Amino acid sequence: MNRLFKHFDPDLIRIYRYLLPHKWRIALGAVFMAGAASMSSLTATLLGKLTDLGFYQQEPWVIAGRRRH
């Protein structure tokens, strides 16, 4: 095992040893960050499609607060 780590920086090995007991929390945090990033992209895509429907195709159901005369 010592041969494996001799090519790495000793400071990185030290940090790795501190983080090793928390590997599942780190993995779960990475999954949640990926989910948040994908939801952010999905929100932008959906709002873009709604904007296209409302302004370019002039669909009245997209405009929630329109006034009736």
N, C-alpha and C. Protein backbone atom coordinates (compact mmCIF):
# COMPACT_ATOMS: atom_id res chain seq x y z
N MET A 1 0.83 -1.19 0.00
CA MET A 1 0.00 0.00 0.00
C MET A 1 0.87 1.25 0.00
N ASN A 2 2.00 1.16 0.67
CA ASN A 2 2.89 2.30 0.75
C ASN A 2 3.50 2.62 -0.62
N ARG A 3 3.73 1.59 -1.45
CA ARG A 3 4.26 1.82 -2.80
C ARG A 3 3.25 2.60 -3.65
N LEU A 4 1.99 2.36 -3.41
CA LEU A 4 0.95 3.03 -4.18
C LEU A 4 0.93 4.53 -3.91
N PHE A 5 1.15 4.93 -2.67
CA PHE A 5 1.05 6.33 -2.30
C PHE A 5 2.35 7.10 -2.39
N LYS A 6 3.45 6.47 -2.75
CA LYS A 6 4.72 7.19 -2.75
C LYS A 6 4.83 8.20 -3.88
N HIS A 7 3.99 8.07 -4.90
CA HIS A 7 4.02 9.01 -6.02
C HIS A 7 3.10 10.21 -5.81
N PHE A 8 2.29 10.17 -4.78
CA PHE A 8 1.35 11.25 -4.51
C PHE A 8 1.94 12.25 -3.52
N ASP A 9 1.40 13.44 -3.54
CA ASP A 9 1.81 14.48 -2.60
C ASP A 9 1.39 14.08 -1.18
N PRO A 10 2.28 14.19 -0.22
CA PRO A 10 1.91 13.79 1.16
C PRO A 10 0.76 14.59 1.73
N ASP A 11 0.61 15.84 1.32
CA ASP A 11 -0.52 16.64 1.81
C ASP A 11 -1.84 16.11 1.29
N LEU A 12 -1.86 15.63 0.04
CA LEU A 12 -3.09 15.06 -0.50
C LEU A 12 -3.45 13.76 0.20
N ILE A 13 -2.45 12.99 0.55
CA ILE A 13 -2.71 11.75 1.29
C ILE A 13 -3.29 12.07 2.65
N ARG A 14 -2.78 13.09 3.29
CA ARG A 14 -3.28 13.49 4.60
C ARG A 14 -4.74 13.96 4.51
N ILE A 15 -5.05 14.77 3.50
CA ILE A 15 -6.43 15.21 3.31
C ILE A 15 -7.35 14.03 3.01
N TYR A 16 -6.86 13.10 2.19
CA TYR A 16 -7.64 11.91 1.86
C TYR A 16 -7.98 11.12 3.11
N ARG A 17 -7.04 10.99 4.00
CA ARG A 17 -7.28 10.23 5.24
C ARG A 17 -8.31 10.92 6.13
N TYR A 18 -8.35 12.26 6.10
CA TYR A 18 -9.37 12.98 6.87
C TYR A 18 -10.76 12.81 6.24
N LEU A 19 -10.82 12.75 4.93
CA LEU A 19 -12.10 12.68 4.23
C LEU A 19 -12.65 11.27 4.11
N LEU A 20 -11.80 10.29 4.26
CA LEU A 20 -12.21 8.90 4.06
C LEU A 20 -13.39 8.48 4.93
N PRO A 21 -13.47 8.84 6.20
CA PRO A 21 -14.64 8.43 7.00
C PRO A 21 -15.95 9.09 6.53
N HIS A 22 -15.86 10.13 5.75
CA HIS A 22 -17.04 10.87 5.30
C HIS A 22 -17.35 10.63 3.82
N LYS A 23 -16.87 9.53 3.27
CA LYS A 23 -17.00 9.29 1.83
C LYS A 23 -18.45 9.22 1.38
N TRP A 24 -19.35 8.67 2.19
CA TRP A 24 -20.75 8.57 1.78
C TRP A 24 -21.43 9.94 1.81
N ARG A 25 -21.07 10.77 2.75
CA ARG A 25 -21.63 12.13 2.78
C ARG A 25 -21.14 12.93 1.59
N ILE A 26 -19.89 12.76 1.24
CA ILE A 26 -19.34 13.47 0.08
C ILE A 26 -20.01 12.99 -1.20
N ALA A 27 -20.20 11.68 -1.33
CA ALA A 27 -20.87 11.12 -2.51
C ALA A 27 -22.32 11.60 -2.59
N LEU A 28 -23.01 11.62 -1.46
CA LEU A 28 -24.39 12.09 -1.45
C LEU A 28 -24.47 13.58 -1.80
N GLY A 29 -23.53 14.35 -1.29
CA GLY A 29 -23.48 15.77 -1.64
C GLY A 29 -23.23 15.99 -3.12
N ALA A 30 -22.38 15.16 -3.72
CA ALA A 30 -22.12 15.27 -5.16
C ALA A 30 -23.36 14.92 -5.97
N VAL A 31 -24.12 13.92 -5.51
CA VAL A 31 -25.36 13.56 -6.21
C VAL A 31 -26.37 14.70 -6.13
N PHE A 32 -26.51 15.31 -4.95
CA PHE A 32 -27.45 16.42 -4.81
C PHE A 32 -27.01 17.64 -5.61
N MET A 33 -25.72 17.89 -5.69
CA MET A 33 -25.25 19.02 -6.51
C MET A 33 -25.52 18.77 -7.99
N ALA A 34 -25.34 17.54 -8.45
CA ALA A 34 -25.65 17.22 -9.84
C ALA A 34 -27.15 17.36 -10.10
N GLY A 35 -27.97 16.95 -9.14
CA GLY A 35 -29.41 17.12 -9.29
C GLY A 35 -29.83 18.57 -9.33
N ALA A 36 -29.22 19.39 -8.49
CA ALA A 36 -29.54 20.82 -8.49
C ALA A 36 -29.11 21.48 -9.80
N ALA A 37 -27.97 21.08 -10.32
CA ALA A 37 -27.51 21.64 -11.58
C ALA A 37 -28.43 21.24 -12.73
N SER A 38 -28.89 20.00 -12.73
CA SER A 38 -29.79 19.57 -13.81
C SER A 38 -31.15 20.25 -13.69
N MET A 39 -31.65 20.46 -12.48
CA MET A 39 -32.92 21.16 -12.32
C MET A 39 -32.82 22.62 -12.74
N SER A 40 -31.69 23.23 -12.51
CA SER A 40 -31.48 24.60 -12.93
C SER A 40 -31.52 24.70 -14.46
N SER A 41 -30.88 23.78 -15.12
CA SER A 41 -30.89 23.76 -16.59
C SER A 41 -32.28 23.46 -17.12
N LEU A 42 -32.98 22.56 -16.46
CA LEU A 42 -34.33 22.21 -16.88
C LEU A 42 -35.27 23.41 -16.73
N THR A 43 -35.14 24.15 -15.65
CA THR A 43 -35.96 25.34 -15.43
C THR A 43 -35.73 26.37 -16.53
N ALA A 44 -34.48 26.61 -16.87
CA ALA A 44 -34.16 27.57 -17.92
C ALA A 44 -34.73 27.12 -19.26
N THR A 45 -34.65 25.84 -19.55
CA THR A 45 -35.19 25.32 -20.81
C THR A 45 -36.71 25.46 -20.87
N LEU A 46 -37.38 25.11 -19.79
CA LEU A 46 -38.84 25.21 -19.78
C LEU A 46 -39.32 26.65 -19.86
N LEU A 47 -38.65 27.55 -19.15
CA LEU A 47 -39.04 28.96 -19.23
C LEU A 47 -38.78 29.52 -20.63
N GLY A 48 -37.73 29.07 -21.28
CA GLY A 48 -37.47 29.50 -22.66
C GLY A 48 -38.56 29.04 -23.60
N LYS A 49 -39.02 27.80 -23.43
CA LYS A 49 -40.10 27.29 -24.28
C LYS A 49 -41.41 28.03 -24.02
N LEU A 50 -41.70 28.34 -22.75
CA LEU A 50 -42.91 29.10 -22.45
C LEU A 50 -42.84 30.51 -23.02
N THR A 51 -41.67 31.12 -22.96
CA THR A 51 -41.51 32.45 -23.54
C THR A 51 -41.73 32.42 -25.05
N ASP A 52 -41.20 31.39 -25.70
CA ASP A 52 -41.41 31.26 -27.15
C ASP A 52 -42.89 31.10 -27.47
N LEU A 53 -43.59 30.30 -26.67
CA LEU A 53 -45.02 30.12 -26.91
C LEU A 53 -45.79 31.42 -26.70
N GLY A 54 -45.43 32.16 -25.68
CA GLY A 54 -46.17 33.38 -25.36
C GLY A 54 -45.92 34.52 -26.32
N PHE A 55 -44.69 34.70 -26.75
CA PHE A 55 -44.36 35.86 -27.57
C PHE A 55 -44.38 35.57 -29.07
N TYR A 56 -43.84 34.44 -29.48
CA TYR A 56 -43.72 34.19 -30.92
C TYR A 56 -44.94 33.51 -31.50
N GLN A 57 -45.51 32.56 -30.77
CA GLN A 57 -46.70 31.87 -31.27
C GLN A 57 -47.97 32.48 -30.71
N GLN A 58 -47.86 33.42 -29.80
CA GLN A 58 -48.95 34.19 -29.21
C GLN A 58 -50.07 33.31 -28.68
N GLU A 59 -49.68 32.35 -27.88
CA GLU A 59 -50.66 31.48 -27.22
C GLU A 59 -51.21 32.22 -26.00
N PRO A 60 -52.52 32.44 -25.91
CA PRO A 60 -53.07 33.23 -24.80
C PRO A 60 -53.02 32.51 -23.45
N TRP A 61 -52.96 31.19 -23.43
CA TRP A 61 -52.97 30.48 -22.15
C TRP A 61 -51.65 30.64 -21.40
N VAL A 62 -50.60 31.09 -22.08
CA VAL A 62 -49.30 31.27 -21.44
C VAL A 62 -49.31 32.51 -20.56
N ILE A 63 -50.06 33.51 -20.95
CA ILE A 63 -50.10 34.77 -20.21
C ILE A 63 -51.11 34.63 -19.08
N ALA A 64 -50.62 34.57 -17.86
CA ALA A 64 -51.49 34.30 -16.71
C ALA A 64 -52.26 35.55 -16.27
N GLY A 65 -51.68 36.72 -16.39
CA GLY A 65 -52.29 37.90 -15.84
C GLY A 65 -52.86 38.86 -16.85
N ARG A 66 -53.41 38.35 -17.92
CA ARG A 66 -53.92 39.28 -18.92
C ARG A 66 -55.27 39.84 -18.49
N ARG A 67 -55.51 41.06 -18.90
CA ARG A 67 -56.77 41.74 -18.53
C ARG A 67 -57.79 41.55 -19.62
N ARG A 68 -59.01 41.37 -19.19
CA ARG A 68 -60.12 41.26 -20.15
C ARG A 68 -60.91 42.54 -20.16
N HIS A 69 -61.20 43.02 -21.30
CA HIS A 69 -61.94 44.29 -21.42
C HIS A 69 -63.41 44.06 -21.60
